[in-house]
Amino acid sequence: MEVWHRHLGPPRGHKFSLGLRHADGVLVAVAIAGRPVARGLDDGCTLEVTRLASDGTPNACSRLLAASWRAAKALG
């Protein structure tokens, strides 16, 4: 994590993490979803993607954001 996010400290916990692999099995992007950073938005029903990183693979971030939304919706 520190290699990809040198300018940010580690996130303080999370609800779930997702990864995206290329067809050859190489991990190309990751997303971490957790409680909102802003206290005013932390209502117990809101999740925030606190980290999103990729190696530049086209559409990787969009795919992970969509998957994060589906996972959050499935969690209720």
PDB file of N, CA and C in Angstrom:
ATOM      1  N   MET A   1       0.818  -1.194   0.000  1.00  0.00           N
ATOM      2  CA  MET A   1       0.000   0.000   0.000  1.00  0.00           C
ATOM      3  C   MET A   1       0.863   1.258   0.000  1.00  0.00           C
ATOM      4  N   GLU A   2       1.914   1.282   0.779  1.00  0.00           N
ATOM      5  CA  GLU A   2       2.749   2.476   0.862  1.00  0.00           C
ATOM      6  C   GLU A   2       3.476   2.766  -0.445  1.00  0.00           C
ATOM      7  N   VAL A   3       3.711   1.743  -1.256  1.00  0.00           N
ATOM      8  CA  VAL A   3       4.379   1.959  -2.534  1.00  0.00           C
ATOM      9  C   VAL A   3       3.467   2.721  -3.489  1.00  0.00           C
ATOM     10  N   TRP A   4       2.159   2.400  -3.494  1.00  0.00           N
ATOM     11  CA  TRP A   4       1.225   3.032  -4.417  1.00  0.00           C
ATOM     12  C   TRP A   4       0.696   4.352  -3.876  1.00  0.00           C
ATOM     13  N   HIS A   5       0.651   4.511  -2.561  1.00  0.00           N
ATOM     14  CA  HIS A   5       0.105   5.729  -1.945  1.00  0.00           C
ATOM     15  C   HIS A   5       1.130   6.319  -0.999  1.00  0.00           C
ATOM     16  N   ARG A   6       2.195   6.828  -1.549  1.00  0.00           N
ATOM     17  CA  ARG A   6       3.260   7.400  -0.732  1.00  0.00           C
ATOM     18  C   ARG A   6       2.807   8.666  -0.016  1.00  0.00           C
ATOM     19  N   HIS A   7       1.852   9.375  -0.582  1.00  0.00           N
ATOM     20  CA  HIS A   7       1.435  10.661  -0.023  1.00  0.00           C
ATOM     21  C   HIS A   7       0.291  10.550   0.981  1.00  0.00           C
ATOM     22  N   LEU A   8      -0.266   9.382   1.170  1.00  0.00           N
ATOM     23  CA  LEU A   8      -1.367   9.186   2.112  1.00  0.00           C
ATOM     24  C   LEU A   8      -0.989   8.131   3.145  1.00  0.00           C
ATOM     25  N   GLY A   9      -1.446   8.344   4.367  1.00  0.00           N
ATOM     26  CA  GLY A   9      -1.260   7.323   5.389  1.00  0.00           C
ATOM     27  C   GLY A   9      -2.225   6.178   5.156  1.00  0.00           C
ATOM     28  N   PRO A  10      -2.049   5.080   5.850  1.00  0.00           N
ATOM     29  CA  PRO A  10      -2.971   3.956   5.689  1.00  0.00           C
ATOM     30  C   PRO A  10      -4.375   4.332   6.160  1.00  0.00           C
ATOM     31  N   PRO A  11      -5.413   3.806   5.506  1.00  0.00           N
ATOM     32  CA  PRO A  11      -6.784   4.103   5.938  1.00  0.00           C
ATOM     33  C   PRO A  11      -7.048   3.480   7.303  1.00  0.00           C
ATOM     34  N   ARG A  12      -7.929   4.073   8.060  1.00  0.00           N
ATOM     35  CA  ARG A  12      -8.267   3.581   9.397  1.00  0.00           C
ATOM     36  C   ARG A  12      -9.436   2.608   9.299  1.00  0.00           C
ATOM     37  N   GLY A  13      -9.124   1.383   8.987  1.00  0.00           N
ATOM     38  CA  GLY A  13     -10.163   0.356   8.894  1.00  0.00           C
ATOM     39  C   GLY A  13     -10.922   0.436   7.588  1.00  0.00           C
ATOM     40  N   HIS A  14     -11.737  -0.578   7.356  1.00  0.00           N
ATOM     41  CA  HIS A  14     -12.555  -0.588   6.157  1.00  0.00           C
ATOM     42  C   HIS A  14     -13.672  -1.608   6.296  1.00  0.00           C
ATOM     43  N   LYS A  15     -14.669  -1.468   5.454  1.00  0.00           N
ATOM     44  CA  LYS A  15     -15.783  -2.424   5.436  1.00  0.00           C
ATOM     45  C   LYS A  15     -15.483  -3.569   4.474  1.00  0.00           C
ATOM     46  N   PHE A  16     -14.937  -3.235   3.287  1.00  0.00           N
ATOM     47  CA  PHE A  16     -14.545  -4.265   2.338  1.00  0.00           C
ATOM     48  C   PHE A  16     -13.506  -3.714   1.368  1.00  0.00           C
ATOM     49  N   SER A  17     -12.792  -4.635   0.739  1.00  0.00           N
ATOM     50  CA  SER A  17     -11.796  -4.296  -0.275  1.00  0.00           C
ATOM     51  C   SER A  17     -12.090  -5.103  -1.525  1.00  0.00           C
ATOM     52  N   LEU A  18     -11.762  -4.523  -2.663  1.00  0.00           N
ATOM     53  CA  LEU A  18     -11.954  -5.203  -3.940  1.00  0.00           C
ATOM     54  C   LEU A  18     -10.692  -5.080  -4.773  1.00  0.00           C
ATOM     55  N   GLY A  19     -10.447  -6.076  -5.590  1.00  0.00           N
ATOM     56  CA  GLY A  19      -9.324  -6.035  -6.513  1.00  0.00           C
ATOM     57  C   GLY A  19      -9.797  -6.416  -7.898  1.00  0.00           C
ATOM     58  N   LEU A  20      -9.083  -5.929  -8.893  1.00  0.00           N
ATOM     59  CA  LEU A  20      -9.390  -6.243 -10.284  1.00  0.00           C
ATOM     60  C   LEU A  20      -8.156  -6.891 -10.898  1.00  0.00           C
ATOM     61  N   ARG A  21      -8.355  -8.054 -11.465  1.00  0.00           N
ATOM     62  CA  ARG A  21      -7.251  -8.780 -12.085  1.00  0.00           C
ATOM     63  C   ARG A  21      -7.402  -8.770 -13.606  1.00  0.00           C
ATOM     64  N   HIS A  22      -6.284  -8.707 -14.283  1.00  0.00           N
ATOM     65  CA  HIS A  22      -6.241  -8.818 -15.735  1.00  0.00           C
ATOM     66  C   HIS A  22      -6.490 -10.280 -16.097  1.00  0.00           C
ATOM     67  N   ALA A  23      -6.764 -10.560 -17.345  1.00  0.00           N
ATOM     68  CA  ALA A  23      -7.042 -11.931 -17.787  1.00  0.00           C
ATOM     69  C   ALA A  23      -5.894 -12.887 -17.466  1.00  0.00           C
ATOM     70  N   ASP A  24      -4.666 -12.373 -17.402  1.00  0.00           N
ATOM     71  CA  ASP A  24      -3.522 -13.235 -17.090  1.00  0.00           C
ATOM     72  C   ASP A  24      -3.307 -13.405 -15.589  1.00  0.00           C
ATOM     73  N   GLY A  25      -4.201 -12.851 -14.767  1.00  0.00           N
ATOM     74  CA  GLY A  25      -4.146 -13.044 -13.325  1.00  0.00           C
ATOM     75  C   GLY A  25      -3.406 -11.977 -12.541  1.00  0.00           C
ATOM     76  N   VAL A  26      -2.869 -10.984 -13.221  1.00  0.00           N
ATOM     77  CA  VAL A  26      -2.123  -9.914 -12.550  1.00  0.00           C
ATOM     78  C   VAL A  26      -3.093  -8.893 -11.954  1.00  0.00           C
ATOM     79  N   LEU A  27      -2.894  -8.551 -10.693  1.00  0.00           N
ATOM     80  CA  LEU A  27      -3.710  -7.544 -10.032  1.00  0.00           C
ATOM     81  C   LEU A  27      -3.385  -6.174 -10.619  1.00  0.00           C
ATOM     82  N   VAL A  28      -4.410  -5.474 -11.147  1.00  0.00           N
ATOM     83  CA  VAL A  28      -4.170  -4.191 -11.812  1.00  0.00           C
ATOM     84  C   VAL A  28      -4.796  -3.008 -11.086  1.00  0.00           C
ATOM     85  N   ALA A  29      -5.722  -3.260 -10.150  1.00  0.00           N
ATOM     86  CA  ALA A  29      -6.369  -2.153  -9.437  1.00  0.00           C
ATOM     87  C   ALA A  29      -6.965  -2.653  -8.125  1.00  0.00           C
ATOM     88  N   VAL A  30      -7.059  -1.748  -7.161  1.00  0.00           N
ATOM     89  CA  VAL A  30      -7.649  -2.066  -5.857  1.00  0.00           C
ATOM     90  C   VAL A  30      -8.528  -0.910  -5.392  1.00  0.00           C
ATOM     91  N   ALA A  31      -9.524  -1.242  -4.586  1.00  0.00           N
ATOM     92  CA  ALA A  31     -10.392  -0.242  -3.977  1.00  0.00           C
ATOM     93  C   ALA A  31     -10.662  -0.650  -2.531  1.00  0.00           C
ATOM     94  N   ILE A  32     -10.708   0.336  -1.652  1.00  0.00           N
ATOM     95  CA  ILE A  32     -11.040   0.110  -0.246  1.00  0.00           C
ATOM     96  C   ILE A  32     -12.236   0.986   0.086  1.00  0.00           C
ATOM     97  N   ALA A  33     -13.278   0.379   0.627  1.00  0.00           N
ATOM     98  CA  ALA A  33     -14.485   1.116   1.012  1.00  0.00           C
ATOM     99  C   ALA A  33     -14.649   1.033   2.524  1.00  0.00           C
ATOM    100  N   GLY A  34     -15.023   2.152   3.117  1.00  0.00           N
ATOM    101  CA  GLY A  34     -15.206   2.191   4.561  1.00  0.00           C
ATOM    102  C   GLY A  34     -16.159   3.296   4.968  1.00  0.00           C
ATOM    103  N   ARG A  35     -16.151   3.582   6.237  1.00  0.00           N
ATOM    104  CA  ARG A  35     -16.992   4.655   6.758  1.00  0.00           C
ATOM    105  C   ARG A  35     -16.518   5.992   6.207  1.00  0.00           C
ATOM    106  N   PRO A  36     -17.424   6.938   6.016  1.00  0.00           N
ATOM    107  CA  PRO A  36     -17.032   8.245   5.498  1.00  0.00           C
ATOM    108  C   PRO A  36     -16.021   8.936   6.404  1.00  0.00           C
ATOM    109  N   VAL A  37     -15.100   9.668   5.802  1.00  0.00           N
ATOM    110  CA  VAL A  37     -14.111  10.413   6.560  1.00  0.00           C
ATOM    111  C   VAL A  37     -14.767  11.577   7.295  1.00  0.00           C
ATOM    112  N   ALA A  38     -15.712  12.248   6.636  1.00  0.00           N
ATOM    113  CA  ALA A  38     -16.413  13.382   7.247  1.00  0.00           C
ATOM    114  C   ALA A  38     -17.421  12.881   8.277  1.00  0.00           C
ATOM    115  N   ARG A  39     -17.322  13.353   9.493  1.00  0.00           N
ATOM    116  CA  ARG A  39     -18.233  12.903  10.561  1.00  0.00           C
ATOM    117  C   ARG A  39     -19.690  13.171  10.236  1.00  0.00           C
ATOM    118  N   GLY A  40     -19.966  14.268   9.572  1.00  0.00           N
ATOM    119  CA  GLY A  40     -21.346  14.623   9.236  1.00  0.00           C
ATOM    120  C   GLY A  40     -22.011  13.637   8.298  1.00  0.00           C
ATOM    121  N   LEU A  41     -21.228  12.918   7.524  1.00  0.00           N
ATOM    122  CA  LEU A  41     -21.772  11.927   6.591  1.00  0.00           C
ATOM    123  C   LEU A  41     -21.816  10.526   7.178  1.00  0.00           C
ATOM    124  N   ASP A  42     -21.242  10.334   8.355  1.00  0.00           N
ATOM    125  CA  ASP A  42     -21.184   9.013   8.978  1.00  0.00           C
ATOM    126  C   ASP A  42     -22.498   8.724   9.693  1.00  0.00           C
ATOM    127  N   ASP A  43     -23.508   8.356   8.894  1.00  0.00           N
ATOM    128  CA  ASP A  43     -24.849   8.121   9.425  1.00  0.00           C
ATOM    129  C   ASP A  43     -25.162   6.642   9.639  1.00  0.00           C
ATOM    130  N   GLY A  44     -24.177   5.775   9.418  1.00  0.00           N
ATOM    131  CA  GLY A  44     -24.395   4.346   9.586  1.00  0.00           C
ATOM    132  C   GLY A  44     -24.902   3.660   8.330  1.00  0.00           C
ATOM    133  N   CYS A  45     -25.293   4.441   7.325  1.00  0.00           N
ATOM    134  CA  CYS A  45     -25.794   3.879   6.065  1.00  0.00           C
ATOM    135  C   CYS A  45     -24.943   4.265   4.872  1.00  0.00           C
ATOM    136  N   THR A  46     -23.971   5.115   5.083  1.00  0.00           N
ATOM    137  CA  THR A  46     -23.155   5.634   3.992  1.00  0.00           C
ATOM    138  C   THR A  46     -21.777   4.994   3.995  1.00  0.00           C
ATOM    139  N   LEU A  47     -21.329   4.589   2.825  1.00  0.00           N
ATOM    140  CA  LEU A  47     -19.972   4.087   2.639  1.00  0.00           C
ATOM    141  C   LEU A  47     -19.237   5.027   1.696  1.00  0.00           C
ATOM    142  N   GLU A  48     -17.927   5.067   1.838  1.00  0.00           N
ATOM    143  CA  GLU A  48     -17.092   5.915   0.995  1.00  0.00           C
ATOM    144  C   GLU A  48     -15.915   5.089   0.487  1.00  0.00           C
ATOM    145  N   VAL A  49     -15.581   5.260  -0.773  1.00  0.00           N
ATOM    146  CA  VAL A  49     -14.370   4.633  -1.296  1.00  0.00           C
ATOM    147  C   VAL A  49     -13.210   5.495  -0.798  1.00  0.00           C
ATOM    148  N   THR A  50     -12.443   4.951   0.138  1.00  0.00           N
ATOM    149  CA  THR A  50     -11.380   5.737   0.765  1.00  0.00           C
ATOM    150  C   THR A  50     -10.057   5.625   0.029  1.00  0.00           C
ATOM    151  N   ARG A  51      -9.870   4.580  -0.770  1.00  0.00           N
ATOM    152  CA  ARG A  51      -8.667   4.423  -1.580  1.00  0.00           C
ATOM    153  C   ARG A  51      -9.044   3.760  -2.892  1.00  0.00           C
ATOM    154  N   LEU A  52      -8.443   4.232  -3.967  1.00  0.00           N
ATOM    155  CA  LEU A  52      -8.624   3.650  -5.287  1.00  0.00           C
ATOM    156  C   LEU A  52      -7.300   3.812  -6.014  1.00  0.00           C
ATOM    157  N   ALA A  53      -6.717   2.714  -6.464  1.00  0.00           N
ATOM    158  CA  ALA A  53      -5.425   2.780  -7.136  1.00  0.00           C
ATOM    159  C   ALA A  53      -5.398   1.776  -8.276  1.00  0.00           C
ATOM    160  N   SER A  54      -4.737   2.153  -9.364  1.00  0.00           N
ATOM    161  CA  SER A  54      -4.587   1.239 -10.498  1.00  0.00           C
ATOM    162  C   SER A  54      -3.227   1.452 -11.142  1.00  0.00           C
ATOM    163  N   ASP A  55      -2.895   0.546 -12.017  1.00  0.00           N
ATOM    164  CA  ASP A  55      -1.644   0.671 -12.765  1.00  0.00           C
ATOM    165  C   ASP A  55      -1.847   1.409 -14.081  1.00  0.00           C
ATOM    166  N   GLY A  56      -3.024   1.978 -14.296  1.00  0.00           N
ATOM    167  CA  GLY A  56      -3.320   2.706 -15.525  1.00  0.00           C
ATOM    168  C   GLY A  56      -4.105   1.895 -16.535  1.00  0.00           C
ATOM    169  N   THR A  57      -4.495   0.690 -16.191  1.00  0.00           N
ATOM    170  CA  THR A  57      -5.295  -0.141 -17.085  1.00  0.00           C
ATOM    171  C   THR A  57      -6.591   0.600 -17.421  1.00  0.00           C
ATOM    172  N   PRO A  58      -6.941   0.714 -18.709  1.00  0.00           N
ATOM    173  CA  PRO A  58      -8.162   1.438 -19.092  1.00  0.00           C
ATOM    174  C   PRO A  58      -9.404   0.887 -18.402  1.00  0.00           C
ATOM    175  N   ASN A  59     -10.225   1.785 -17.899  1.00  0.00           N
ATOM    176  CA  ASN A  59     -11.520   1.488 -17.268  1.00  0.00           C
ATOM    177  C   ASN A  59     -11.427   0.721 -15.956  1.00  0.00           C
ATOM    178  N   ALA A  60     -10.240   0.492 -15.422  1.00  0.00           N
ATOM    179  CA  ALA A  60     -10.096  -0.268 -14.181  1.00  0.00           C
ATOM    180  C   ALA A  60     -10.774   0.448 -13.014  1.00  0.00           C
ATOM    181  N   CYS A  61     -10.558   1.745 -12.891  1.00  0.00           N
ATOM    182  CA  CYS A  61     -11.152   2.493 -11.780  1.00  0.00           C
ATOM    183  C   CYS A  61     -12.675   2.523 -11.886  1.00  0.00           C
ATOM    184  N   SER A  62     -13.194   2.732 -13.083  1.00  0.00           N
ATOM    185  CA  SER A  62     -14.647   2.739 -13.279  1.00  0.00           C
ATOM    186  C   SER A  62     -15.257   1.397 -12.920  1.00  0.00           C
ATOM    187  N   ARG A  63     -14.594   0.332 -13.305  1.00  0.00           N
ATOM    188  CA  ARG A  63     -15.111  -1.007 -12.995  1.00  0.00           C
ATOM    189  C   ARG A  63     -15.125  -1.246 -11.483  1.00  0.00           C
ATOM    190  N   LEU A  64     -14.089  -0.799 -10.788  1.00  0.00           N
ATOM    191  CA  LEU A  64     -14.041  -0.990  -9.337  1.00  0.00           C
ATOM    192  C   LEU A  64     -15.059  -0.107  -8.621  1.00  0.00           C
ATOM    193  N   LEU A  65     -15.257   1.118  -9.100  1.00  0.00           N
ATOM    194  CA  LEU A  65     -16.270   1.972  -8.483  1.00  0.00           C
ATOM    195  C   LEU A  65     -17.662   1.368  -8.654  1.00  0.00           C
ATOM    196  N   ALA A  66     -17.948   0.830  -9.832  1.00  0.00           N
ATOM    197  CA  ALA A  66     -19.243   0.182 -10.061  1.00  0.00           C
ATOM    198  C   ALA A  66     -19.396  -1.057  -9.178  1.00  0.00           C
ATOM    199  N   ALA A  67     -18.354  -1.842  -9.054  1.00  0.00           N
ATOM    200  CA  ALA A  67     -18.405  -3.040  -8.207  1.00  0.00           C
ATOM    201  C   ALA A  67     -18.561  -2.659  -6.742  1.00  0.00           C
ATOM    202  N   SER A  68     -17.932  -1.558  -6.323  1.00  0.00           N
ATOM    203  CA  SER A  68     -18.068  -1.077  -4.941  1.00  0.00           C
ATOM    204  C   SER A  68     -19.504  -0.666  -4.661  1.00  0.00           C
ATOM    205  N   TRP A  69     -20.120   0.004  -5.618  1.00  0.00           N
ATOM    206  CA  TRP A  69     -21.517   0.417  -5.450  1.00  0.00           C
ATOM    207  C   TRP A  69     -22.422  -0.806  -5.323  1.00  0.00           C
ATOM    208  N   ARG A  70     -22.189  -1.805  -6.180  1.00  0.00           N
ATOM    209  CA  ARG A  70     -23.013  -3.031  -6.102  1.00  0.00           C
ATOM    210  C   ARG A  70     -22.808  -3.759  -4.785  1.00  0.00           C
ATOM    211  N   ALA A  71     -21.577  -3.820  -4.306  1.00  0.00           N
ATOM    212  CA  ALA A  71     -21.300  -4.495  -3.033  1.00  0.00           C
ATOM    213  C   ALA A  71     -21.942  -3.739  -1.871  1.00  0.00           C
ATOM    214  N   ALA A  72     -21.858  -2.418  -1.880  1.00  0.00           N
ATOM    215  CA  ALA A  72     -22.472  -1.613  -0.816  1.00  0.00           C
ATOM    216  C   ALA A  72     -23.988  -1.782  -0.824  1.00  0.00           C
ATOM    217  N   LYS A  73     -24.560  -1.799  -1.997  1.00  0.00           N
ATOM    218  CA  LYS A  73     -26.014  -1.987  -2.110  1.00  0.00           C
ATOM    219  C   LYS A  73     -26.417  -3.367  -1.584  1.00  0.00           C
ATOM    220  N   ALA A  74     -25.621  -4.391  -1.884  1.00  0.00           N
ATOM    221  CA  ALA A  74     -25.912  -5.754  -1.417  1.00  0.00           C
ATOM    222  C   ALA A  74     -25.808  -5.850   0.108  1.00  0.00           C
ATOM    223  N   LEU A  75     -24.927  -5.031   0.707  1.00  0.00           N
ATOM    224  CA  LEU A  75     -24.786  -5.031   2.163  1.00  0.00           C
ATOM    225  C   LEU A  75     -25.938  -4.310   2.859  1.00  0.00           C
ATOM    226  N   GLY A  76     -26.674  -3.541   2.083  1.00  0.00           N
ATOM    227  CA  GLY A  76     -27.826  -2.834   2.653  1.00  0.00           C
ATOM    228  C   GLY A  76     -27.475  -1.461   3.048  1.00  0.00           C
TER     229      GLY A  76
END
